[in-house]
Amino acid sequence: MPEWSQQAEKLITTVSTKGQVILPKAIRQRREWDVGTRLIVEETPDGVLLKRAPAFAATRPDEVFGLLPFGGEPKSLEDMEAGVLSEARRRHDRD
């Protein structure tokens, strides 16, 4: 666990008239929150928690299975394994 997370820093910021809060630069740098970073704001019993929003919405396999079009004959498991092995060999040979 990073040293900075073991001891909570006591930093103070102010809510603006527009309801905006400036996060201290040190925290933004440690978290790698650059301009435009989307954050989830979560109210907790202890205060407000900020977390980086995921780049993509969470999905389940059944929600996305079969979405990419495929016009050929279905591949057997053996065909797929042979294809993976062939690509692994190709990548190994080029190194």
PDB file of N, CA and C in Angstrom:
ATOM      1  N   MET A   1       0.848  -1.178   0.000  1.00  0.00           N
ATOM      2  CA  MET A   1       0.000   0.000   0.000  1.00  0.00           C
ATOM      3  C   MET A   1       0.893   1.240   0.000  1.00  0.00           C
ATOM      4  N   PRO A   2       0.592   2.227  -0.858  1.00  0.00           N
ATOM      5  CA  PRO A   2       1.433   3.423  -0.888  1.00  0.00           C
ATOM      6  C   PRO A   2       1.466   4.120   0.463  1.00  0.00           C
ATOM      7  N   GLU A   3       2.609   4.711   0.763  1.00  0.00           N
ATOM      8  CA  GLU A   3       2.781   5.391   2.043  1.00  0.00           C
ATOM      9  C   GLU A   3       1.745   6.491   2.250  1.00  0.00           C
ATOM     10  N   TRP A   4       1.420   7.228   1.187  1.00  0.00           N
ATOM     11  CA  TRP A   4       0.488   8.350   1.317  1.00  0.00           C
ATOM     12  C   TRP A   4      -0.924   7.899   1.670  1.00  0.00           C
ATOM     13  N   SER A   5      -1.282   6.655   1.347  1.00  0.00           N
ATOM     14  CA  SER A   5      -2.633   6.197   1.670  1.00  0.00           C
ATOM     15  C   SER A   5      -2.737   5.724   3.118  1.00  0.00           C
ATOM     16  N   GLN A   6      -1.597   5.482   3.765  1.00  0.00           N
ATOM     17  CA  GLN A   6      -1.630   5.010   5.134  1.00  0.00           C
ATOM     18  C   GLN A   6      -1.869   6.157   6.114  1.00  0.00           C
ATOM     19  N   GLN A   7      -1.430   7.348   5.752  1.00  0.00           N
ATOM     20  CA  GLN A   7      -1.639   8.509   6.602  1.00  0.00           C
ATOM     21  C   GLN A   7      -2.447   9.532   5.821  1.00  0.00           C
ATOM     22  N   ALA A   8      -3.638   9.834   6.290  1.00  0.00           N
ATOM     23  CA  ALA A   8      -4.496  10.791   5.598  1.00  0.00           C
ATOM     24  C   ALA A   8      -3.910  12.187   5.730  1.00  0.00           C
ATOM     25  N   GLU A   9      -3.808  12.867   4.578  1.00  0.00           N
ATOM     26  CA  GLU A   9      -3.341  14.243   4.593  1.00  0.00           C
ATOM     27  C   GLU A   9      -4.494  15.136   5.026  1.00  0.00           C
ATOM     28  N   LYS A  10      -4.179  16.187   5.715  1.00  0.00           N
ATOM     29  CA  LYS A  10      -5.176  17.162   6.127  1.00  0.00           C
ATOM     30  C   LYS A  10      -5.069  18.365   5.193  1.00  0.00           C
ATOM     31  N   LEU A  11      -5.793  18.343   4.109  1.00  0.00           N
ATOM     32  CA  LEU A  11      -5.795  19.430   3.147  1.00  0.00           C
ATOM     33  C   LEU A  11      -7.170  20.089   3.173  1.00  0.00           C
ATOM     34  N   ILE A  12      -7.203  21.378   2.942  1.00  0.00           N
ATOM     35  CA  ILE A  12      -8.466  22.112   2.979  1.00  0.00           C
ATOM     36  C   ILE A  12      -8.705  22.742   1.616  1.00  0.00           C
ATOM     37  N   THR A  13      -9.934  22.684   1.163  1.00  0.00           N
ATOM     38  CA  THR A  13     -10.352  23.340  -0.064  1.00  0.00           C
ATOM     39  C   THR A  13     -11.688  24.014   0.206  1.00  0.00           C
ATOM     40  N   THR A  14     -12.175  24.793  -0.748  1.00  0.00           N
ATOM     41  CA  THR A  14     -13.395  25.570  -0.550  1.00  0.00           C
ATOM     42  C   THR A  14     -14.372  25.275  -1.678  1.00  0.00           C
ATOM     43  N   VAL A  15     -15.644  25.211  -1.360  1.00  0.00           N
ATOM     44  CA  VAL A  15     -16.679  25.060  -2.374  1.00  0.00           C
ATOM     45  C   VAL A  15     -16.961  26.449  -2.952  1.00  0.00           C
ATOM     46  N   SER A  16     -16.921  26.557  -4.290  1.00  0.00           N
ATOM     47  CA  SER A  16     -17.153  27.847  -4.943  1.00  0.00           C
ATOM     48  C   SER A  16     -18.648  28.145  -5.007  1.00  0.00           C
ATOM     49  N   THR A  17     -18.972  29.344  -5.475  1.00  0.00           N
ATOM     50  CA  THR A  17     -20.385  29.728  -5.621  1.00  0.00           C
ATOM     51  C   THR A  17     -21.086  28.860  -6.651  1.00  0.00           C
ATOM     52  N   LYS A  18     -20.325  28.229  -7.531  1.00  0.00           N
ATOM     53  CA  LYS A  18     -20.894  27.328  -8.542  1.00  0.00           C
ATOM     54  C   LYS A  18     -20.936  25.882  -8.048  1.00  0.00           C
ATOM     55  N   GLY A  19     -20.530  25.659  -6.805  1.00  0.00           N
ATOM     56  CA  GLY A  19     -20.526  24.305  -6.251  1.00  0.00           C
ATOM     57  C   GLY A  19     -19.308  23.499  -6.653  1.00  0.00           C
ATOM     58  N   GLN A  20     -18.285  24.148  -7.153  1.00  0.00           N
ATOM     59  CA  GLN A  20     -17.081  23.454  -7.579  1.00  0.00           C
ATOM     60  C   GLN A  20     -16.078  23.368  -6.441  1.00  0.00           C
ATOM     61  N   VAL A  21     -15.316  22.280  -6.457  1.00  0.00           N
ATOM     62  CA  VAL A  21     -14.275  22.057  -5.453  1.00  0.00           C
ATOM     63  C   VAL A  21     -12.976  21.811  -6.199  1.00  0.00           C
ATOM     64  N   ILE A  22     -11.916  22.471  -5.791  1.00  0.00           N
ATOM     65  CA  ILE A  22     -10.607  22.252  -6.400  1.00  0.00           C
ATOM     66  C   ILE A  22      -9.876  21.202  -5.581  1.00  0.00           C
ATOM     67  N   LEU A  23      -9.456  20.138  -6.266  1.00  0.00           N
ATOM     68  CA  LEU A  23      -8.681  19.095  -5.598  1.00  0.00           C
ATOM     69  C   LEU A  23      -7.220  19.512  -5.599  1.00  0.00           C
ATOM     70  N   PRO A  24      -6.529  19.381  -4.482  1.00  0.00           N
ATOM     71  CA  PRO A  24      -5.124  19.764  -4.418  1.00  0.00           C
ATOM     72  C   PRO A  24      -4.293  19.053  -5.491  1.00  0.00           C
ATOM     73  N   LYS A  25      -3.337  19.785  -6.049  1.00  0.00           N
ATOM     74  CA  LYS A  25      -2.500  19.283  -7.127  1.00  0.00           C
ATOM     75  C   LYS A  25      -1.789  17.984  -6.752  1.00  0.00           C
ATOM     76  N   ALA A  26      -1.297  17.891  -5.523  1.00  0.00           N
ATOM     77  CA  ALA A  26      -0.574  16.687  -5.096  1.00  0.00           C
ATOM     78  C   ALA A  26      -1.461  15.442  -5.215  1.00  0.00           C
ATOM     79  N   ILE A  27      -2.710  15.577  -4.850  1.00  0.00           N
ATOM     80  CA  ILE A  27      -3.633  14.437  -4.932  1.00  0.00           C
ATOM     81  C   ILE A  27      -3.927  14.111  -6.389  1.00  0.00           C
ATOM     82  N   ARG A  28      -4.186  15.138  -7.202  1.00  0.00           N
ATOM     83  CA  ARG A  28      -4.465  14.901  -8.626  1.00  0.00           C
ATOM     84  C   ARG A  28      -3.281  14.216  -9.304  1.00  0.00           C
ATOM     85  N   GLN A  29      -2.071  14.616  -8.946  1.00  0.00           N
ATOM     86  CA  GLN A  29      -0.882  13.996  -9.542  1.00  0.00           C
ATOM     87  C   GLN A  29      -0.721  12.549  -9.101  1.00  0.00           C
ATOM     88  N   ARG A  30      -0.893  12.278  -7.821  1.00  0.00           N
ATOM     89  CA  ARG A  30      -0.753  10.894  -7.338  1.00  0.00           C
ATOM     90  C   ARG A  30      -1.791   9.982  -7.963  1.00  0.00           C
ATOM     91  N   ARG A  31      -2.990  10.486  -8.136  1.00  0.00           N
ATOM     92  CA  ARG A  31      -4.075   9.689  -8.715  1.00  0.00           C
ATOM     93  C   ARG A  31      -4.061   9.681 -10.235  1.00  0.00           C
ATOM     94  N   GLU A  32      -3.182  10.527 -10.807  1.00  0.00           N
ATOM     95  CA  GLU A  32      -3.121  10.683 -12.263  1.00  0.00           C
ATOM     96  C   GLU A  32      -4.471  11.124 -12.824  1.00  0.00           C
ATOM     97  N   TRP A  33      -5.091  12.089 -12.147  1.00  0.00           N
ATOM     98  CA  TRP A  33      -6.349  12.680 -12.588  1.00  0.00           C
ATOM     99  C   TRP A  33      -6.026  13.954 -13.344  1.00  0.00           C
ATOM    100  N   ASP A  34      -5.930  13.835 -14.660  1.00  0.00           N
ATOM    101  CA  ASP A  34      -5.640  14.976 -15.506  1.00  0.00           C
ATOM    102  C   ASP A  34      -6.930  15.719 -15.835  1.00  0.00           C
ATOM    103  N   VAL A  35      -6.791  16.833 -16.521  1.00  0.00           N
ATOM    104  CA  VAL A  35      -7.952  17.603 -16.956  1.00  0.00           C
ATOM    105  C   VAL A  35      -8.874  16.695 -17.760  1.00  0.00           C
ATOM    106  N   GLY A  36     -10.143  16.735 -17.468  1.00  0.00           N
ATOM    107  CA  GLY A  36     -11.119  15.924 -18.186  1.00  0.00           C
ATOM    108  C   GLY A  36     -11.372  14.556 -17.589  1.00  0.00           C
ATOM    109  N   THR A  37     -10.632  14.186 -16.555  1.00  0.00           N
ATOM    110  CA  THR A  37     -10.861  12.887 -15.910  1.00  0.00           C
ATOM    111  C   THR A  37     -12.266  12.861 -15.332  1.00  0.00           C
ATOM    112  N   ARG A  38     -13.002  11.812 -15.651  1.00  0.00           N
ATOM    113  CA  ARG A  38     -14.363  11.665 -15.127  1.00  0.00           C
ATOM    114  C   ARG A  38     -14.310  10.926 -13.802  1.00  0.00           C
ATOM    115  N   LEU A  39     -15.024  11.453 -12.817  1.00  0.00           N
ATOM    116  CA  LEU A  39     -15.022  10.866 -11.478  1.00  0.00           C
ATOM    117  C   LEU A  39     -16.427  10.490 -11.061  1.00  0.00           C
ATOM    118  N   ILE A  40     -16.536   9.407 -10.321  1.00  0.00           N
ATOM    119  CA  ILE A  40     -17.788   9.008  -9.690  1.00  0.00           C
ATOM    120  C   ILE A  40     -17.804   9.654  -8.313  1.00  0.00           C
ATOM    121  N   VAL A  41     -18.898  10.294  -7.971  1.00  0.00           N
ATOM    122  CA  VAL A  41     -19.052  10.931  -6.660  1.00  0.00           C
ATOM    123  C   VAL A  41     -20.012  10.062  -5.866  1.00  0.00           C
ATOM    124  N   GLU A  42     -19.527   9.559  -4.728  1.00  0.00           N
ATOM    125  CA  GLU A  42     -20.316   8.628  -3.923  1.00  0.00           C
ATOM    126  C   GLU A  42     -20.410   9.158  -2.499  1.00  0.00           C
ATOM    127  N   GLU A  43     -21.615   9.309  -2.018  1.00  0.00           N
ATOM    128  CA  GLU A  43     -21.806   9.742  -0.636  1.00  0.00           C
ATOM    129  C   GLU A  43     -21.682   8.533   0.278  1.00  0.00           C
ATOM    130  N   THR A  44     -20.887   8.668   1.331  1.00  0.00           N
ATOM    131  CA  THR A  44     -20.680   7.586   2.289  1.00  0.00           C
ATOM    132  C   THR A  44     -20.992   8.116   3.684  1.00  0.00           C
ATOM    133  N   PRO A  45     -21.109   7.249   4.672  1.00  0.00           N
ATOM    134  CA  PRO A  45     -21.351   7.715   6.040  1.00  0.00           C
ATOM    135  C   PRO A  45     -20.237   8.630   6.555  1.00  0.00           C
ATOM    136  N   ASP A  46     -19.009   8.447   6.027  1.00  0.00           N
ATOM    137  CA  ASP A  46     -17.875   9.247   6.492  1.00  0.00           C
ATOM    138  C   ASP A  46     -17.646  10.515   5.680  1.00  0.00           C
ATOM    139  N   GLY A  47     -18.327  10.684   4.573  1.00  0.00           N
ATOM    140  CA  GLY A  47     -18.108  11.860   3.743  1.00  0.00           C
ATOM    141  C   GLY A  47     -18.413  11.555   2.288  1.00  0.00           C
ATOM    142  N   VAL A  48     -17.613  12.142   1.410  1.00  0.00           N
ATOM    143  CA  VAL A  48     -17.800  11.967  -0.026  1.00  0.00           C
ATOM    144  C   VAL A  48     -16.569  11.262  -0.587  1.00  0.00           C
ATOM    145  N   LEU A  49     -16.811  10.249  -1.416  1.00  0.00           N
ATOM    146  CA  LEU A  49     -15.744   9.464  -2.013  1.00  0.00           C
ATOM    147  C   LEU A  49     -15.695   9.765  -3.501  1.00  0.00           C
ATOM    148  N   LEU A  50     -14.499  10.038  -4.033  1.00  0.00           N
ATOM    149  CA  LEU A  50     -14.306  10.249  -5.462  1.00  0.00           C
ATOM    150  C   LEU A  50     -13.525   9.067  -6.014  1.00  0.00           C
ATOM    151  N   LYS A  51     -14.029   8.492  -7.117  1.00  0.00           N
ATOM    152  CA  LYS A  51     -13.352   7.382  -7.778  1.00  0.00           C
ATOM    153  C   LYS A  51     -13.354   7.650  -9.275  1.00  0.00           C
ATOM    154  N   ARG A  52     -12.292   7.211  -9.941  1.00  0.00           N
ATOM    155  CA  ARG A  52     -12.237   7.356 -11.395  1.00  0.00           C
ATOM    156  C   ARG A  52     -13.373   6.550 -12.021  1.00  0.00           C
ATOM    157  N   ALA A  53     -14.088   7.166 -12.935  1.00  0.00           N
ATOM    158  CA  ALA A  53     -15.162   6.473 -13.648  1.00  0.00           C
ATOM    159  C   ALA A  53     -14.536   5.524 -14.671  1.00  0.00           C
ATOM    160  N   PRO A  54     -15.100   4.345 -14.849  1.00  0.00           N
ATOM    161  CA  PRO A  54     -14.557   3.419 -15.838  1.00  0.00           C
ATOM    162  C   PRO A  54     -14.716   3.989 -17.248  1.00  0.00           C
ATOM    163  N   ALA A  55     -13.802   3.609 -18.129  1.00  0.00           N
ATOM    164  CA  ALA A  55     -13.851   4.102 -19.513  1.00  0.00           C
ATOM    165  C   ALA A  55     -15.074   3.574 -20.247  1.00  0.00           C
ATOM    166  N   PHE A  56     -15.504   2.376 -19.897  1.00  0.00           N
ATOM    167  CA  PHE A  56     -16.644   1.754 -20.557  1.00  0.00           C
ATOM    168  C   PHE A  56     -17.622   1.248 -19.508  1.00  0.00           C
ATOM    169  N   ALA A  57     -18.875   1.248 -19.852  1.00  0.00           N
ATOM    170  CA  ALA A  57     -19.895   0.719 -18.950  1.00  0.00           C
ATOM    171  C   ALA A  57     -19.675  -0.783 -18.764  1.00  0.00           C
ATOM    172  N   ALA A  58     -19.936  -1.261 -17.581  1.00  0.00           N
ATOM    173  CA  ALA A  58     -19.800  -2.696 -17.306  1.00  0.00           C
ATOM    174  C   ALA A  58     -20.848  -3.472 -18.098  1.00  0.00           C
ATOM    175  N   THR A  59     -20.434  -4.590 -18.669  1.00  0.00           N
ATOM    176  CA  THR A  59     -21.351  -5.440 -19.422  1.00  0.00           C
ATOM    177  C   THR A  59     -21.140  -6.887 -19.010  1.00  0.00           C
ATOM    178  N   ARG A  60     -22.149  -7.692 -19.283  1.00  0.00           N
ATOM    179  CA  ARG A  60     -22.057  -9.132 -19.057  1.00  0.00           C
ATOM    180  C   ARG A  60     -21.863  -9.804 -20.418  1.00  0.00           C
ATOM    181  N   PRO A  61     -21.244 -10.973 -20.457  1.00  0.00           N
ATOM    182  CA  PRO A  61     -21.019 -11.645 -21.745  1.00  0.00           C
ATOM    183  C   PRO A  61     -22.301 -11.815 -22.564  1.00  0.00           C
ATOM    184  N   ASP A  62     -23.408 -12.128 -21.916  1.00  0.00           N
ATOM    185  CA  ASP A  62     -24.643 -12.341 -22.674  1.00  0.00           C
ATOM    186  C   ASP A  62     -25.169 -11.047 -23.301  1.00  0.00           C
ATOM    187  N   GLU A  63     -24.702  -9.893 -22.828  1.00  0.00           N
ATOM    188  CA  GLU A  63     -25.126  -8.618 -23.404  1.00  0.00           C
ATOM    189  C   GLU A  63     -24.365  -8.283 -24.686  1.00  0.00           C
ATOM    190  N   VAL A  64     -23.173  -8.856 -24.849  1.00  0.00           N
ATOM    191  CA  VAL A  64     -22.354  -8.521 -26.006  1.00  0.00           C
ATOM    192  C   VAL A  64     -22.073  -9.711 -26.921  1.00  0.00           C
ATOM    193  N   PHE A  65     -22.398 -10.919 -26.493  1.00  0.00           N
ATOM    194  CA  PHE A  65     -22.099 -12.115 -27.282  1.00  0.00           C
ATOM    195  C   PHE A  65     -22.816 -12.045 -28.628  1.00  0.00           C
ATOM    196  N   GLY A  66     -22.074 -12.267 -29.677  1.00  0.00           N
ATOM    197  CA  GLY A  66     -22.660 -12.322 -31.008  1.00  0.00           C
ATOM    198  C   GLY A  66     -22.898 -10.968 -31.656  1.00  0.00           C
ATOM    199  N   LEU A  67     -22.384  -9.894 -31.093  1.00  0.00           N
ATOM    200  CA  LEU A  67     -22.625  -8.574 -31.666  1.00  0.00           C
ATOM    201  C   LEU A  67     -21.770  -8.307 -32.898  1.00  0.00           C
ATOM    202  N   LEU A  68     -20.604  -8.917 -32.985  1.00  0.00           N
ATOM    203  CA  LEU A  68     -19.764  -8.708 -34.159  1.00  0.00           C
ATOM    204  C   LEU A  68     -20.221  -9.640 -35.275  1.00  0.00           C
ATOM    205  N   PRO A  69     -20.435  -9.091 -36.468  1.00  0.00           N
ATOM    206  CA  PRO A  69     -20.908  -9.945 -37.562  1.00  0.00           C
ATOM    207  C   PRO A  69     -19.814 -10.895 -38.045  1.00  0.00           C
ATOM    208  N   PHE A  70     -20.212 -12.091 -38.440  1.00  0.00           N
ATOM    209  CA  PHE A  70     -19.293 -13.081 -38.984  1.00  0.00           C
ATOM    210  C   PHE A  70     -20.024 -13.791 -40.112  1.00  0.00           C
ATOM    211  N   GLY A  71     -19.428 -13.779 -41.299  1.00  0.00           N
ATOM    212  CA  GLY A  71     -20.121 -14.342 -42.453  1.00  0.00           C
ATOM    213  C   GLY A  71     -19.636 -15.703 -42.886  1.00  0.00           C
ATOM    214  N   GLY A  72     -18.643 -16.269 -42.212  1.00  0.00           N
ATOM    215  CA  GLY A  72     -18.105 -17.556 -42.646  1.00  0.00           C
ATOM    216  C   GLY A  72     -18.709 -18.730 -41.909  1.00  0.00           C
ATOM    217  N   GLU A  73     -18.110 -19.876 -42.179  1.00  0.00           N
ATOM    218  CA  GLU A  73     -18.525 -21.096 -41.487  1.00  0.00           C
ATOM    219  C   GLU A  73     -18.037 -21.036 -40.037  1.00  0.00           C
ATOM    220  N   PRO A  74     -18.791 -21.584 -39.107  1.00  0.00           N
ATOM    221  CA  PRO A  74     -18.330 -21.605 -37.715  1.00  0.00           C
ATOM    222  C   PRO A  74     -17.029 -22.386 -37.604  1.00  0.00           C
ATOM    223  N   LYS A  75     -16.148 -21.941 -36.708  1.00  0.00           N
ATOM    224  CA  LYS A  75     -14.870 -22.606 -36.486  1.00  0.00           C
ATOM    225  C   LYS A  75     -15.012 -23.635 -35.363  1.00  0.00           C
ATOM    226  N   SER A  76     -14.310 -24.737 -35.526  1.00  0.00           N
ATOM    227  CA  SER A  76     -14.293 -25.741 -34.460  1.00  0.00           C
ATOM    228  C   SER A  76     -13.299 -25.298 -33.392  1.00  0.00           C
ATOM    229  N   LEU A  77     -13.380 -25.921 -32.251  1.00  0.00           N
ATOM    230  CA  LEU A  77     -12.440 -25.633 -31.175  1.00  0.00           C
ATOM    231  C   LEU A  77     -11.011 -25.949 -31.621  1.00  0.00           C
ATOM    232  N   GLU A  78     -10.853 -27.021 -32.384  1.00  0.00           N
ATOM    233  CA  GLU A  78      -9.525 -27.383 -32.888  1.00  0.00           C
ATOM    234  C   GLU A  78      -9.001 -26.306 -33.839  1.00  0.00           C
ATOM    235  N   ASP A  79      -9.880 -25.761 -34.713  1.00  0.00           N
ATOM    236  CA  ASP A  79      -9.463 -24.691 -35.625  1.00  0.00           C
ATOM    237  C   ASP A  79      -9.021 -23.456 -34.851  1.00  0.00           C
ATOM    238  N   MET A  80      -9.759 -23.123 -33.811  1.00  0.00           N
ATOM    239  CA  MET A  80      -9.411 -21.947 -33.016  1.00  0.00           C
ATOM    240  C   MET A  80      -8.083 -22.150 -32.295  1.00  0.00           C
ATOM    241  N   GLU A  81      -7.882 -23.322 -31.720  1.00  0.00           N
ATOM    242  CA  GLU A  81      -6.619 -23.604 -31.029  1.00  0.00           C
ATOM    243  C   GLU A  81      -5.449 -23.564 -32.000  1.00  0.00           C
ATOM    244  N   ALA A  82      -5.640 -24.100 -33.214  1.00  0.00           N
ATOM    245  CA  ALA A  82      -4.579 -24.071 -34.224  1.00  0.00           C
ATOM    246  C   ALA A  82      -4.261 -22.628 -34.620  1.00  0.00           C
ATOM    247  N   GLY A  83      -5.279 -21.795 -34.733  1.00  0.00           N
ATOM    248  CA  GLY A  83      -5.074 -20.389 -35.076  1.00  0.00           C
ATOM    249  C   GLY A  83      -4.306 -19.647 -33.995  1.00  0.00           C
ATOM    250  N   VAL A  84      -4.647 -19.895 -32.752  1.00  0.00           N
ATOM    251  CA  VAL A  84      -3.945 -19.253 -31.638  1.00  0.00           C
ATOM    252  C   VAL A  84      -2.488 -19.712 -31.617  1.00  0.00           C
ATOM    253  N   LEU A  85      -2.243 -21.002 -31.784  1.00  0.00           N
ATOM    254  CA  LEU A  85      -0.880 -21.538 -31.800  1.00  0.00           C
ATOM    255  C   LEU A  85      -0.074 -20.956 -32.959  1.00  0.00           C
ATOM    256  N   SER A  86      -0.687 -20.856 -34.129  1.00  0.00           N
ATOM    257  CA  SER A  86      -0.016 -20.290 -35.300  1.00  0.00           C
ATOM    258  C   SER A  86       0.386 -18.841 -35.056  1.00  0.00           C
ATOM    259  N   GLU A  87      -0.492 -18.045 -34.475  1.00  0.00           N
ATOM    260  CA  GLU A  87      -0.190 -16.639 -34.194  1.00  0.00           C
ATOM    261  C   GLU A  87       0.895 -16.526 -33.131  1.00  0.00           C
ATOM    262  N   ALA A  88       0.868 -17.384 -32.120  1.00  0.00           N
ATOM    263  CA  ALA A  88       1.906 -17.366 -31.086  1.00  0.00           C
ATOM    264  C   ALA A  88       3.264 -17.684 -31.706  1.00  0.00           C
ATOM    265  N   ARG A  89       3.316 -18.654 -32.588  1.00  0.00           N
ATOM    266  CA  ARG A  89       4.577 -18.995 -33.257  1.00  0.00           C
ATOM    267  C   ARG A  89       5.052 -17.839 -34.133  1.00  0.00           C
ATOM    268  N   ARG A  90       4.115 -17.206 -34.859  1.00  0.00           N
ATOM    269  CA  ARG A  90       4.471 -16.081 -35.717  1.00  0.00           C
ATOM    270  C   ARG A  90       5.076 -14.948 -34.896  1.00  0.00           C
ATOM    271  N   ARG A  91       4.456 -14.647 -33.756  1.00  0.00           N
ATOM    272  CA  ARG A  91       4.978 -13.569 -32.906  1.00  0.00           C
ATOM    273  C   ARG A  91       6.324 -13.936 -32.287  1.00  0.00           C
ATOM    274  N   HIS A  92       6.473 -15.207 -31.918  1.00  0.00           N
ATOM    275  CA  HIS A  92       7.732 -15.651 -31.323  1.00  0.00           C
ATOM    276  C   HIS A  92       8.854 -15.587 -32.363  1.00  0.00           C
ATOM    277  N   ASP A  93       8.572 -15.986 -33.582  1.00  0.00           N
ATOM    278  CA  ASP A  93       9.591 -16.017 -34.642  1.00  0.00           C
ATOM    279  C   ASP A  93      10.070 -14.624 -35.031  1.00  0.00           C
ATOM    280  N   ARG A  94       9.234 -13.613 -34.913  1.00  0.00           N
ATOM    281  CA  ARG A  94       9.651 -12.268 -35.330  1.00  0.00           C
ATOM    282  C   ARG A  94      10.541 -11.600 -34.297  1.00  0.00           C
ATOM    283  N   ASP A  95      10.484 -12.088 -33.039  1.00  0.00           N
ATOM    284  CA  ASP A  95      11.335 -11.526 -31.982  1.00  0.00           C
ATOM    285  C   ASP A  95      12.672 -12.139 -32.109  1.00  0.00           C
TER     286      ASP A  95
END
